[in-house]
Amino acid sequence: MSFAHCNSLFHVVVDTDDTAARVIELLNEQSLGRVSFLPLNRLHAKEMKFEGLSRDDAIPLLDKLRFDPMYRKAFVQTFSRTLVARNLEVAGELSQKYDCNCITLDGTYTC
């Protein structure tokens, strides 16, 4: 399984790739390091559908998050492939069934 979506947690969300380019230019000019960006105008993330998922076993993490709709693409990119499961056994089963990440109510993480 790819961790590409997990890595999005550490990216900075910006409105456009032009904004990201301008910030990168400033960082380079001042030798301030590197930053990865999620430009909203370039995101084409698809929301994962968990067909047949019992809400007694798990719920999509995205359903439990509150955010400004203008950032929806970034949240889908980052959290769409994650379920919150009632326990580790269910998390393991669902992780395999849906090829997704799962976190339990007590914070245990599977992928």
PDB file of N, CA and C in Angstrom:
ATOM      1  N   MET A   1       0.841  -1.182   0.000  1.00  0.00           N
ATOM      2  CA  MET A   1       0.000   0.000   0.000  1.00  0.00           C
ATOM      3  C   MET A   1       0.878   1.234   0.000  1.00  0.00           C
ATOM      4  N   SER A   2       0.470   2.235  -0.713  1.00  0.00           N
ATOM      5  CA  SER A   2       1.224   3.488  -0.812  1.00  0.00           C
ATOM      6  C   SER A   2       0.916   4.408   0.357  1.00  0.00           C
ATOM      7  N   PHE A   3       1.949   5.092   0.830  1.00  0.00           N
ATOM      8  CA  PHE A   3       1.775   6.056   1.898  1.00  0.00           C
ATOM      9  C   PHE A   3       1.666   7.470   1.353  1.00  0.00           C
ATOM     10  N   ALA A   4       1.457   7.627   0.063  1.00  0.00           N
ATOM     11  CA  ALA A   4       1.408   8.953  -0.560  1.00  0.00           C
ATOM     12  C   ALA A   4       0.365   9.843   0.095  1.00  0.00           C
ATOM     13  N   HIS A   5      -0.776   9.294   0.429  1.00  0.00           N
ATOM     14  CA  HIS A   5      -1.821  10.113   1.035  1.00  0.00           C
ATOM     15  C   HIS A   5      -1.454  10.514   2.457  1.00  0.00           C
ATOM     16  N   CYS A   6      -0.766   9.648   3.163  1.00  0.00           N
ATOM     17  CA  CYS A   6      -0.326   9.996   4.517  1.00  0.00           C
ATOM     18  C   CYS A   6       0.663  11.144   4.480  1.00  0.00           C
ATOM     19  N   ASN A   7       1.522  11.171   3.469  1.00  0.00           N
ATOM     20  CA  ASN A   7       2.510  12.234   3.364  1.00  0.00           C
ATOM     21  C   ASN A   7       1.862  13.596   3.188  1.00  0.00           C
ATOM     22  N   SER A   8       0.652  13.636   2.693  1.00  0.00           N
ATOM     23  CA  SER A   8      -0.048  14.911   2.506  1.00  0.00           C
ATOM     24  C   SER A   8      -0.262  15.650   3.819  1.00  0.00           C
ATOM     25  N   LEU A   9      -0.177  14.948   4.917  1.00  0.00           N
ATOM     26  CA  LEU A   9      -0.327  15.588   6.228  1.00  0.00           C
ATOM     27  C   LEU A   9       0.712  16.677   6.450  1.00  0.00           C
ATOM     28  N   PHE A  10       1.843  16.567   5.797  1.00  0.00           N
ATOM     29  CA  PHE A  10       2.955  17.479   6.034  1.00  0.00           C
ATOM     30  C   PHE A  10       3.104  18.537   4.946  1.00  0.00           C
ATOM     31  N   HIS A  11       2.141  18.616   4.055  1.00  0.00           N
ATOM     32  CA  HIS A  11       2.177  19.598   2.975  1.00  0.00           C
ATOM     33  C   HIS A  11       1.412  20.858   3.382  1.00  0.00           C
ATOM     34  N   VAL A  12       1.803  21.965   2.800  1.00  0.00           N
ATOM     35  CA  VAL A  12       1.138  23.242   3.050  1.00  0.00           C
ATOM     36  C   VAL A  12       0.110  23.465   1.946  1.00  0.00           C
ATOM     37  N   VAL A  13      -1.126  23.749   2.341  1.00  0.00           N
ATOM     38  CA  VAL A  13      -2.196  23.982   1.373  1.00  0.00           C
ATOM     39  C   VAL A  13      -2.138  25.437   0.915  1.00  0.00           C
ATOM     40  N   VAL A  14      -2.126  25.608  -0.409  1.00  0.00           N
ATOM     41  CA  VAL A  14      -2.155  26.945  -1.008  1.00  0.00           C
ATOM     42  C   VAL A  14      -3.230  26.971  -2.075  1.00  0.00           C
ATOM     43  N   ASP A  15      -3.627  28.178  -2.468  1.00  0.00           N
ATOM     44  CA  ASP A  15      -4.704  28.299  -3.445  1.00  0.00           C
ATOM     45  C   ASP A  15      -4.304  27.833  -4.842  1.00  0.00           C
ATOM     46  N   THR A  16      -3.121  28.192  -5.293  1.00  0.00           N
ATOM     47  CA  THR A  16      -2.711  27.841  -6.660  1.00  0.00           C
ATOM     48  C   THR A  16      -1.249  27.405  -6.698  1.00  0.00           C
ATOM     49  N   ASP A  17      -0.878  26.773  -7.793  1.00  0.00           N
ATOM     50  CA  ASP A  17       0.515  26.403  -7.985  1.00  0.00           C
ATOM     51  C   ASP A  17       1.390  27.645  -8.176  1.00  0.00           C
ATOM     52  N   ASP A  18       0.806  28.746  -8.645  1.00  0.00           N
ATOM     53  CA  ASP A  18       1.550  30.004  -8.761  1.00  0.00           C
ATOM     54  C   ASP A  18       1.971  30.509  -7.378  1.00  0.00           C
ATOM     55  N   THR A  19       1.076  30.423  -6.414  1.00  0.00           N
ATOM     56  CA  THR A  19       1.413  30.814  -5.044  1.00  0.00           C
ATOM     57  C   THR A  19       2.545  29.936  -4.514  1.00  0.00           C
ATOM     58  N   ALA A  20       2.448  28.643  -4.737  1.00  0.00           N
ATOM     59  CA  ALA A  20       3.501  27.724  -4.285  1.00  0.00           C
ATOM     60  C   ALA A  20       4.842  28.090  -4.924  1.00  0.00           C
ATOM     61  N   ALA A  21       4.833  28.386  -6.207  1.00  0.00           N
ATOM     62  CA  ALA A  21       6.074  28.749  -6.901  1.00  0.00           C
ATOM     63  C   ALA A  21       6.687  30.023  -6.326  1.00  0.00           C
ATOM     64  N   ARG A  22       5.847  30.993  -5.999  1.00  0.00           N
ATOM     65  CA  ARG A  22       6.364  32.242  -5.423  1.00  0.00           C
ATOM     66  C   ARG A  22       6.963  32.007  -4.041  1.00  0.00           C
ATOM     67  N   VAL A  23       6.331  31.181  -3.237  1.00  0.00           N
ATOM     68  CA  VAL A  23       6.861  30.884  -1.907  1.00  0.00           C
ATOM     69  C   VAL A  23       8.175  30.108  -2.030  1.00  0.00           C
ATOM     70  N   ILE A  24       8.227  29.148  -2.928  1.00  0.00           N
ATOM     71  CA  ILE A  24       9.460  28.378  -3.140  1.00  0.00           C
ATOM     72  C   ILE A  24      10.595  29.307  -3.565  1.00  0.00           C
ATOM     73  N   GLU A  25      10.289  30.243  -4.430  1.00  0.00           N
ATOM     74  CA  GLU A  25      11.302  31.214  -4.869  1.00  0.00           C
ATOM     75  C   GLU A  25      11.854  32.007  -3.680  1.00  0.00           C
ATOM     76  N   LEU A  26      10.970  32.464  -2.802  1.00  0.00           N
ATOM     77  CA  LEU A  26      11.405  33.199  -1.610  1.00  0.00           C
ATOM     78  C   LEU A  26      12.236  32.316  -0.683  1.00  0.00           C
ATOM     79  N   LEU A  27      11.808  31.093  -0.492  1.00  0.00           N
ATOM     80  CA  LEU A  27      12.561  30.158   0.350  1.00  0.00           C
ATOM     81  C   LEU A  27      13.965  29.933  -0.207  1.00  0.00           C
ATOM     82  N   ASN A  28      14.051  29.765  -1.510  1.00  0.00           N
ATOM     83  CA  ASN A  28      15.349  29.550  -2.156  1.00  0.00           C
ATOM     84  C   ASN A  28      16.238  30.782  -2.044  1.00  0.00           C
ATOM     85  N   GLU A  29      15.677  31.956  -2.264  1.00  0.00           N
ATOM     86  CA  GLU A  29      16.449  33.199  -2.193  1.00  0.00           C
ATOM     87  C   GLU A  29      17.062  33.399  -0.816  1.00  0.00           C
ATOM     88  N   GLN A  30      16.323  32.994   0.207  1.00  0.00           N
ATOM     89  CA  GLN A  30      16.769  33.225   1.576  1.00  0.00           C
ATOM     90  C   GLN A  30      17.321  31.959   2.253  1.00  0.00           C
ATOM     91  N   SER A  31      17.506  30.910   1.471  1.00  0.00           N
ATOM     92  CA  SER A  31      18.028  29.629   1.977  1.00  0.00           C
ATOM     93  C   SER A  31      17.306  29.180   3.244  1.00  0.00           C
ATOM     94  N   LEU A  32      15.979  29.155   3.161  1.00  0.00           N
ATOM     95  CA  LEU A  32      15.164  28.813   4.333  1.00  0.00           C
ATOM     96  C   LEU A  32      14.678  27.364   4.343  1.00  0.00           C
ATOM     97  N   GLY A  33      15.116  26.558   3.403  1.00  0.00           N
ATOM     98  CA  GLY A  33      14.730  25.155   3.405  1.00  0.00           C
ATOM     99  C   GLY A  33      13.679  24.835   2.360  1.00  0.00           C
ATOM    100  N   ARG A  34      13.048  23.694   2.548  1.00  0.00           N
ATOM    101  CA  ARG A  34      12.092  23.183   1.567  1.00  0.00           C
ATOM    102  C   ARG A  34      10.734  22.974   2.203  1.00  0.00           C
ATOM    103  N   VAL A  35       9.710  23.119   1.387  1.00  0.00           N
ATOM    104  CA  VAL A  35       8.331  22.880   1.804  1.00  0.00           C
ATOM    105  C   VAL A  35       7.613  22.203   0.649  1.00  0.00           C
ATOM    106  N   SER A  36       6.744  21.267   0.957  1.00  0.00           N
ATOM    107  CA  SER A  36       5.900  20.646  -0.067  1.00  0.00           C
ATOM    108  C   SER A  36       4.513  21.262   0.017  1.00  0.00           C
ATOM    109  N   PHE A  37       3.887  21.442  -1.130  1.00  0.00           N
ATOM    110  CA  PHE A  37       2.611  22.132  -1.198  1.00  0.00           C
ATOM    111  C   PHE A  37       1.512  21.250  -1.790  1.00  0.00           C
ATOM    112  N   LEU A  38       0.275  21.572  -1.405  1.00  0.00           N
ATOM    113  CA  LEU A  38      -0.927  21.026  -2.024  1.00  0.00           C
ATOM    114  C   LEU A  38      -1.670  22.210  -2.634  1.00  0.00           C
ATOM    115  N   PRO A  39      -1.395  22.535  -3.891  1.00  0.00           N
ATOM    116  CA  PRO A  39      -2.130  23.642  -4.523  1.00  0.00           C
ATOM    117  C   PRO A  39      -3.545  23.177  -4.881  1.00  0.00           C
ATOM    118  N   LEU A  40      -4.530  23.862  -4.349  1.00  0.00           N
ATOM    119  CA  LEU A  40      -5.926  23.442  -4.547  1.00  0.00           C
ATOM    120  C   LEU A  40      -6.313  23.391  -6.021  1.00  0.00           C
ATOM    121  N   ASN A  41      -5.746  24.270  -6.840  1.00  0.00           N
ATOM    122  CA  ASN A  41      -6.120  24.279  -8.254  1.00  0.00           C
ATOM    123  C   ASN A  41      -5.586  23.066  -9.013  1.00  0.00           C
ATOM    124  N   ARG A  42      -4.664  22.307  -8.429  1.00  0.00           N
ATOM    125  CA  ARG A  42      -4.085  21.141  -9.092  1.00  0.00           C
ATOM    126  C   ARG A  42      -4.566  19.812  -8.525  1.00  0.00           C
ATOM    127  N   LEU A  43      -5.313  19.849  -7.438  1.00  0.00           N
ATOM    128  CA  LEU A  43      -5.767  18.605  -6.816  1.00  0.00           C
ATOM    129  C   LEU A  43      -6.969  18.027  -7.551  1.00  0.00           C
ATOM    130  N   HIS A  44      -6.894  16.744  -7.809  1.00  0.00           N
ATOM    131  CA  HIS A  44      -7.994  16.012  -8.446  1.00  0.00           C
ATOM    132  C   HIS A  44      -8.279  14.739  -7.656  1.00  0.00           C
ATOM    133  N   ALA A  45      -8.276  14.881  -6.342  1.00  0.00           N
ATOM    134  CA  ALA A  45      -8.459  13.724  -5.465  1.00  0.00           C
ATOM    135  C   ALA A  45      -9.881  13.190  -5.569  1.00  0.00           C
ATOM    136  N   LYS A  46      -9.968  11.867  -5.618  1.00  0.00           N
ATOM    137  CA  LYS A  46     -11.274  11.210  -5.642  1.00  0.00           C
ATOM    138  C   LYS A  46     -11.586  10.691  -4.251  1.00  0.00           C
ATOM    139  N   GLU A  47     -12.817  10.924  -3.846  1.00  0.00           N
ATOM    140  CA  GLU A  47     -13.240  10.434  -2.539  1.00  0.00           C
ATOM    141  C   GLU A  47     -13.478   8.934  -2.637  1.00  0.00           C
ATOM    142  N   MET A  48     -12.863   8.200  -1.741  1.00  0.00           N
ATOM    143  CA  MET A  48     -13.002   6.747  -1.746  1.00  0.00           C
ATOM    144  C   MET A  48     -14.387   6.362  -1.241  1.00  0.00           C
ATOM    145  N   LYS A  49     -14.998   5.421  -1.931  1.00  0.00           N
ATOM    146  CA  LYS A  49     -16.307   4.895  -1.544  1.00  0.00           C
ATOM    147  C   LYS A  49     -16.098   3.521  -0.907  1.00  0.00           C
ATOM    148  N   PHE A  50     -16.632   3.352   0.267  1.00  0.00           N
ATOM    149  CA  PHE A  50     -16.503   2.093   0.991  1.00  0.00           C
ATOM    150  C   PHE A  50     -17.817   1.322   0.861  1.00  0.00           C
ATOM    151  N   GLU A  51     -18.005   0.684  -0.286  1.00  0.00           N
ATOM    152  CA  GLU A  51     -19.235  -0.056  -0.575  1.00  0.00           C
ATOM    153  C   GLU A  51     -19.433  -1.181   0.425  1.00  0.00           C
ATOM    154  N   GLY A  52     -20.622  -1.260   1.005  1.00  0.00           N
ATOM    155  CA  GLY A  52     -20.964  -2.340   1.922  1.00  0.00           C
ATOM    156  C   GLY A  52     -20.411  -2.174   3.331  1.00  0.00           C
ATOM    157  N   LEU A  53     -19.824  -1.038   3.638  1.00  0.00           N
ATOM    158  CA  LEU A  53     -19.267  -0.811   4.968  1.00  0.00           C
ATOM    159  C   LEU A  53     -20.376  -0.680   5.998  1.00  0.00           C
ATOM    160  N   SER A  54     -20.274  -1.461   7.061  1.00  0.00           N
ATOM    161  CA  SER A  54     -21.228  -1.355   8.160  1.00  0.00           C
ATOM    162  C   SER A  54     -20.777  -0.245   9.090  1.00  0.00           C
ATOM    163  N   ARG A  55     -21.653   0.728   9.331  1.00  0.00           N
ATOM    164  CA  ARG A  55     -21.297   1.843  10.215  1.00  0.00           C
ATOM    165  C   ARG A  55     -21.157   1.392  11.664  1.00  0.00           C
ATOM    166  N   ASP A  56     -21.558   0.151  11.948  1.00  0.00           N
ATOM    167  CA  ASP A  56     -21.325  -0.413  13.281  1.00  0.00           C
ATOM    168  C   ASP A  56     -19.851  -0.805  13.447  1.00  0.00           C
ATOM    169  N   ASP A  57     -19.187  -1.102  12.327  1.00  0.00           N
ATOM    170  CA  ASP A  57     -17.784  -1.510  12.359  1.00  0.00           C
ATOM    171  C   ASP A  57     -16.824  -0.326  12.231  1.00  0.00           C
ATOM    172  N   ALA A  58     -17.148   0.605  11.326  1.00  0.00           N
ATOM    173  CA  ALA A  58     -16.235   1.721  11.063  1.00  0.00           C
ATOM    174  C   ALA A  58     -16.964   2.841  10.328  1.00  0.00           C
ATOM    175  N   ILE A  59     -16.337   4.007  10.361  1.00  0.00           N
ATOM    176  CA  ILE A  59     -16.848   5.151   9.605  1.00  0.00           C
ATOM    177  C   ILE A  59     -15.665   5.829   8.909  1.00  0.00           C
ATOM    178  N   PRO A  60     -15.905   6.402   7.744  1.00  0.00           N
ATOM    179  CA  PRO A  60     -14.830   7.146   7.089  1.00  0.00           C
ATOM    180  C   PRO A  60     -14.417   8.349   7.943  1.00  0.00           C
ATOM    181  N   LEU A  61     -13.133   8.519   8.124  1.00  0.00           N
ATOM    182  CA  LEU A  61     -12.630   9.641   8.913  1.00  0.00           C
ATOM    183  C   LEU A  61     -13.122  10.966   8.347  1.00  0.00           C
ATOM    184  N   LEU A  62     -13.193  11.065   7.046  1.00  0.00           N
ATOM    185  CA  LEU A  62     -13.630  12.300   6.380  1.00  0.00           C
ATOM    186  C   LEU A  62     -15.022  12.731   6.845  1.00  0.00           C
ATOM    187  N   ASP A  63     -15.872  11.758   7.194  1.00  0.00           N
ATOM    188  CA  ASP A  63     -17.228  12.072   7.659  1.00  0.00           C
ATOM    189  C   ASP A  63     -17.242  12.732   9.036  1.00  0.00           C
ATOM    190  N   LYS A  64     -16.166  12.592   9.783  1.00  0.00           N
ATOM    191  CA  LYS A  64     -16.117  13.130  11.141  1.00  0.00           C
ATOM    192  C   LYS A  64     -15.347  14.452  11.247  1.00  0.00           C
ATOM    193  N   LEU A  65     -14.776  14.906  10.162  1.00  0.00           N
ATOM    194  CA  LEU A  65     -13.983  16.134  10.182  1.00  0.00           C
ATOM    195  C   LEU A  65     -14.826  17.332   9.782  1.00  0.00           C
ATOM    196  N   ARG A  66     -14.554  18.454  10.416  1.00  0.00           N
ATOM    197  CA  ARG A  66     -15.223  19.707  10.065  1.00  0.00           C
ATOM    198  C   ARG A  66     -14.188  20.646   9.475  1.00  0.00           C
ATOM    199  N   PHE A  67     -14.503  21.214   8.323  1.00  0.00           N
ATOM    200  CA  PHE A  67     -13.561  22.102   7.653  1.00  0.00           C
ATOM    201  C   PHE A  67     -14.318  23.009   6.686  1.00  0.00           C
ATOM    202  N   ASP A  68     -13.683  24.081   6.318  1.00  0.00           N
ATOM    203  CA  ASP A  68     -14.249  25.005   5.333  1.00  0.00           C
ATOM    204  C   ASP A  68     -14.321  24.276   3.995  1.00  0.00           C
ATOM    205  N   PRO A  69     -15.469  24.302   3.325  1.00  0.00           N
ATOM    206  CA  PRO A  69     -15.617  23.594   2.052  1.00  0.00           C
ATOM    207  C   PRO A  69     -14.574  23.972   0.994  1.00  0.00           C
ATOM    208  N   MET A  70     -13.998  25.158   1.092  1.00  0.00           N
ATOM    209  CA  MET A  70     -13.003  25.545   0.082  1.00  0.00           C
ATOM    210  C   MET A  70     -11.765  24.643   0.154  1.00  0.00           C
ATOM    211  N   TYR A  71     -11.565  23.954   1.279  1.00  0.00           N
ATOM    212  CA  TYR A  71     -10.410  23.075   1.444  1.00  0.00           C
ATOM    213  C   TYR A  71     -10.755  21.607   1.236  1.00  0.00           C
ATOM    214  N   ARG A  72     -11.945  21.311   0.746  1.00  0.00           N
ATOM    215  CA  ARG A  72     -12.403  19.930   0.613  1.00  0.00           C
ATOM    216  C   ARG A  72     -11.421  19.064  -0.181  1.00  0.00           C
ATOM    217  N   LYS A  73     -10.908  19.572  -1.287  1.00  0.00           N
ATOM    218  CA  LYS A  73      -9.971  18.777  -2.100  1.00  0.00           C
ATOM    219  C   LYS A  73      -8.760  18.326  -1.286  1.00  0.00           C
ATOM    220  N   ALA A  74      -8.247  19.208  -0.448  1.00  0.00           N
ATOM    221  CA  ALA A  74      -7.079  18.866   0.370  1.00  0.00           C
ATOM    222  C   ALA A  74      -7.442  17.814   1.415  1.00  0.00           C
ATOM    223  N   PHE A  75      -8.623  17.929   2.011  1.00  0.00           N
ATOM    224  CA  PHE A  75      -9.049  16.940   3.005  1.00  0.00           C
ATOM    225  C   PHE A  75      -9.316  15.588   2.349  1.00  0.00           C
ATOM    226  N   VAL A  76      -9.909  15.599   1.170  1.00  0.00           N
ATOM    227  CA  VAL A  76     -10.133  14.341   0.447  1.00  0.00           C
ATOM    228  C   VAL A  76      -8.788  13.702   0.103  1.00  0.00           C
ATOM    229  N   GLN A  77      -7.857  14.493  -0.397  1.00  0.00           N
ATOM    230  CA  GLN A  77      -6.513  13.996  -0.737  1.00  0.00           C
ATOM    231  C   GLN A  77      -5.855  13.320   0.468  1.00  0.00           C
ATOM    232  N   THR A  78      -6.011  13.910   1.627  1.00  0.00           N
ATOM    233  CA  THR A  78      -5.291  13.474   2.810  1.00  0.00           C
ATOM    234  C   THR A  78      -6.013  12.384   3.610  1.00  0.00           C
ATOM    235  N   PHE A  79      -7.336  12.459   3.710  1.00  0.00           N
ATOM    236  CA  PHE A  79      -8.058  11.593   4.644  1.00  0.00           C
ATOM    237  C   PHE A  79      -9.082  10.639   4.018  1.00  0.00           C
ATOM    238  N   SER A  80      -9.293  10.701   2.720  1.00  0.00           N
ATOM    239  CA  SER A  80     -10.345   9.906   2.092  1.00  0.00           C
ATOM    240  C   SER A  80     -10.133   8.398   2.217  1.00  0.00           C
ATOM    241  N   ARG A  81      -8.892   7.967   2.334  1.00  0.00           N
ATOM    242  CA  ARG A  81      -8.590   6.534   2.385  1.00  0.00           C
ATOM    243  C   ARG A  81      -8.433   6.019   3.820  1.00  0.00           C
ATOM    244  N   THR A  82      -9.010   6.720   4.794  1.00  0.00           N
ATOM    245  CA  THR A  82      -8.858   6.319   6.190  1.00  0.00           C
ATOM    246  C   THR A  82     -10.210   6.080   6.847  1.00  0.00           C
ATOM    247  N   LEU A  83     -10.302   4.958   7.539  1.00  0.00           N
ATOM    248  CA  LEU A  83     -11.492   4.612   8.308  1.00  0.00           C
ATOM    249  C   LEU A  83     -11.173   4.670   9.801  1.00  0.00           C
ATOM    250  N   VAL A  84     -12.192   4.943  10.608  1.00  0.00           N
ATOM    251  CA  VAL A  84     -12.091   4.835  12.058  1.00  0.00           C
ATOM    252  C   VAL A  84     -12.881   3.582  12.432  1.00  0.00           C
ATOM    253  N   ALA A  85     -12.163   2.581  12.958  1.00  0.00           N
ATOM    254  CA  ALA A  85     -12.777   1.280  13.257  1.00  0.00           C
ATOM    255  C   ALA A  85     -12.969   1.113  14.765  1.00  0.00           C
ATOM    256  N   ARG A  86     -13.924   0.262  15.134  1.00  0.00           N
ATOM    257  CA  ARG A  86     -14.263   0.089  16.550  1.00  0.00           C
ATOM    258  C   ARG A  86     -13.183  -0.651  17.333  1.00  0.00           C
ATOM    259  N   ASN A  87     -12.383  -1.506  16.647  1.00  0.00           N
ATOM    260  CA  ASN A  87     -11.290  -2.199  17.338  1.00  0.00           C
ATOM    261  C   ASN A  87     -10.239  -2.644  16.320  1.00  0.00           C
ATOM    262  N   LEU A  88      -9.125  -3.164  16.809  1.00  0.00           N
ATOM    263  CA  LEU A  88      -8.000  -3.528  15.954  1.00  0.00           C
ATOM    264  C   LEU A  88      -8.331  -4.690  15.019  1.00  0.00           C
ATOM    265  N   GLU A  89      -9.097  -5.653  15.497  1.00  0.00           N
ATOM    266  CA  GLU A  89      -9.476  -6.786  14.647  1.00  0.00           C
ATOM    267  C   GLU A  89     -10.271  -6.304  13.432  1.00  0.00           C
ATOM    268  N   VAL A  90     -11.259  -5.477  13.669  1.00  0.00           N
ATOM    269  CA  VAL A  90     -12.075  -4.927  12.577  1.00  0.00           C
ATOM    270  C   VAL A  90     -11.208  -4.058  11.665  1.00  0.00           C
ATOM    271  N   ALA A  91     -10.316  -3.265  12.258  1.00  0.00           N
ATOM    272  CA  ALA A  91      -9.432  -2.400  11.469  1.00  0.00           C
ATOM    273  C   ALA A  91      -8.576  -3.221  10.514  1.00  0.00           C
ATOM    274  N   GLY A  92      -8.022  -4.317  10.997  1.00  0.00           N
ATOM    275  CA  GLY A  92      -7.201  -5.175  10.141  1.00  0.00           C
ATOM    276  C   GLY A  92      -7.987  -5.764   8.978  1.00  0.00           C
ATOM    277  N   GLU A  93      -9.198  -6.233   9.273  1.00  0.00           N
ATOM    278  CA  GLU A  93     -10.050  -6.811   8.227  1.00  0.00           C
ATOM    279  C   GLU A  93     -10.424  -5.760   7.175  1.00  0.00           C
ATOM    280  N   LEU A  94     -10.836  -4.588   7.647  1.00  0.00           N
ATOM    281  CA  LEU A  94     -11.266  -3.539   6.724  1.00  0.00           C
ATOM    282  C   LEU A  94     -10.108  -2.959   5.930  1.00  0.00           C
ATOM    283  N   SER A  95      -8.955  -2.880   6.560  1.00  0.00           N
ATOM    284  CA  SER A  95      -7.771  -2.384   5.873  1.00  0.00           C
ATOM    285  C   SER A  95      -7.445  -3.267   4.669  1.00  0.00           C
ATOM    286  N   GLN A  96      -7.550  -4.568   4.843  1.00  0.00           N
ATOM    287  CA  GLN A  96      -7.305  -5.498   3.740  1.00  0.00           C
ATOM    288  C   GLN A  96      -8.435  -5.457   2.714  1.00  0.00           C
ATOM    289  N   LYS A  97      -9.660  -5.469   3.179  1.00  0.00           N
ATOM    290  CA  LYS A  97     -10.813  -5.498   2.279  1.00  0.00           C
ATOM    291  C   LYS A  97     -10.853  -4.290   1.357  1.00  0.00           C
ATOM    292  N   TYR A  98     -10.612  -3.094   1.907  1.00  0.00           N
ATOM    293  CA  TYR A  98     -10.745  -1.860   1.136  1.00  0.00           C
ATOM    294  C   TYR A  98      -9.406  -1.267   0.694  1.00  0.00           C
ATOM    295  N   ASP A  99      -8.300  -1.930   1.052  1.00  0.00           N
ATOM    296  CA  ASP A  99      -6.966  -1.405   0.753  1.00  0.00           C
ATOM    297  C   ASP A  99      -6.867   0.049   1.205  1.00  0.00           C
ATOM    298  N   CYS A 100      -7.107   0.229   2.494  1.00  0.00           N
ATOM    299  CA  CYS A 100      -7.128   1.578   3.064  1.00  0.00           C
ATOM    300  C   CYS A 100      -6.394   1.603   4.395  1.00  0.00           C
ATOM    301  N   ASN A 101      -6.291   2.775   4.970  1.00  0.00           N
ATOM    302  CA  ASN A 101      -5.729   2.941   6.310  1.00  0.00           C
ATOM    303  C   ASN A 101      -6.878   2.898   7.309  1.00  0.00           C
ATOM    304  N   CYS A 102      -6.593   2.399   8.502  1.00  0.00           N
ATOM    305  CA  CYS A 102      -7.593   2.392   9.568  1.00  0.00           C
ATOM    306  C   CYS A 102      -6.951   2.853  10.863  1.00  0.00           C
ATOM    307  N   ILE A 103      -7.743   3.532  11.633  1.00  0.00           N
ATOM    308  CA  ILE A 103      -7.339   3.910  12.988  1.00  0.00           C
ATOM    309  C   ILE A 103      -8.463   3.458  13.910  1.00  0.00           C
ATOM    310  N   THR A 104      -8.076   2.953  15.074  1.00  0.00           N
ATOM    311  CA  THR A 104      -9.096   2.511  16.025  1.00  0.00           C
ATOM    312  C   THR A 104      -9.477   3.660  16.948  1.00  0.00           C
ATOM    313  N   LEU A 105     -10.514   3.456  17.703  1.00  0.00           N
ATOM    314  CA  LEU A 105     -10.970   4.473  18.649  1.00  0.00           C
ATOM    315  C   LEU A 105      -9.912   4.810  19.706  1.00  0.00           C
ATOM    316  N   ASP A 106      -9.045   3.826  19.991  1.00  0.00           N
ATOM    317  CA  ASP A 106      -7.987   4.102  20.983  1.00  0.00           C
ATOM    318  C   ASP A 106      -6.701   4.622  20.335  1.00  0.00           C
ATOM    319  N   GLY A 107      -6.709   4.826  19.014  1.00  0.00           N
ATOM    320  CA  GLY A 107      -5.566   5.446  18.343  1.00  0.00           C
ATOM    321  C   GLY A 107      -4.591   4.506  17.670  1.00  0.00           C
ATOM    322  N   THR A 108      -4.855   3.198  17.685  1.00  0.00           N
ATOM    323  CA  THR A 108      -3.983   2.250  16.987  1.00  0.00           C
ATOM    324  C   THR A 108      -4.181   2.399  15.491  1.00  0.00           C
ATOM    325  N   TYR A 109      -3.087   2.386  14.748  1.00  0.00           N
ATOM    326  CA  TYR A 109      -3.116   2.653  13.312  1.00  0.00           C
ATOM    327  C   TYR A 109      -2.715   1.416  12.526  1.00  0.00           C
ATOM    328  N   THR A 110      -3.467   1.105  11.460  1.00  0.00           N
ATOM    329  CA  THR A 110      -3.113   0.021  10.558  1.00  0.00           C
ATOM    330  C   THR A 110      -3.157   0.534   9.131  1.00  0.00           C
ATOM    331  N   CYS A 111      -2.359  -0.105   8.285  1.00  0.00           N
ATOM    332  CA  CYS A 111      -2.433   0.227   6.843  1.00  0.00           C
ATOM    333  C   CYS A 111      -2.054  -0.980   6.031  1.00  0.00           C
TER     334      CYS A 111
END
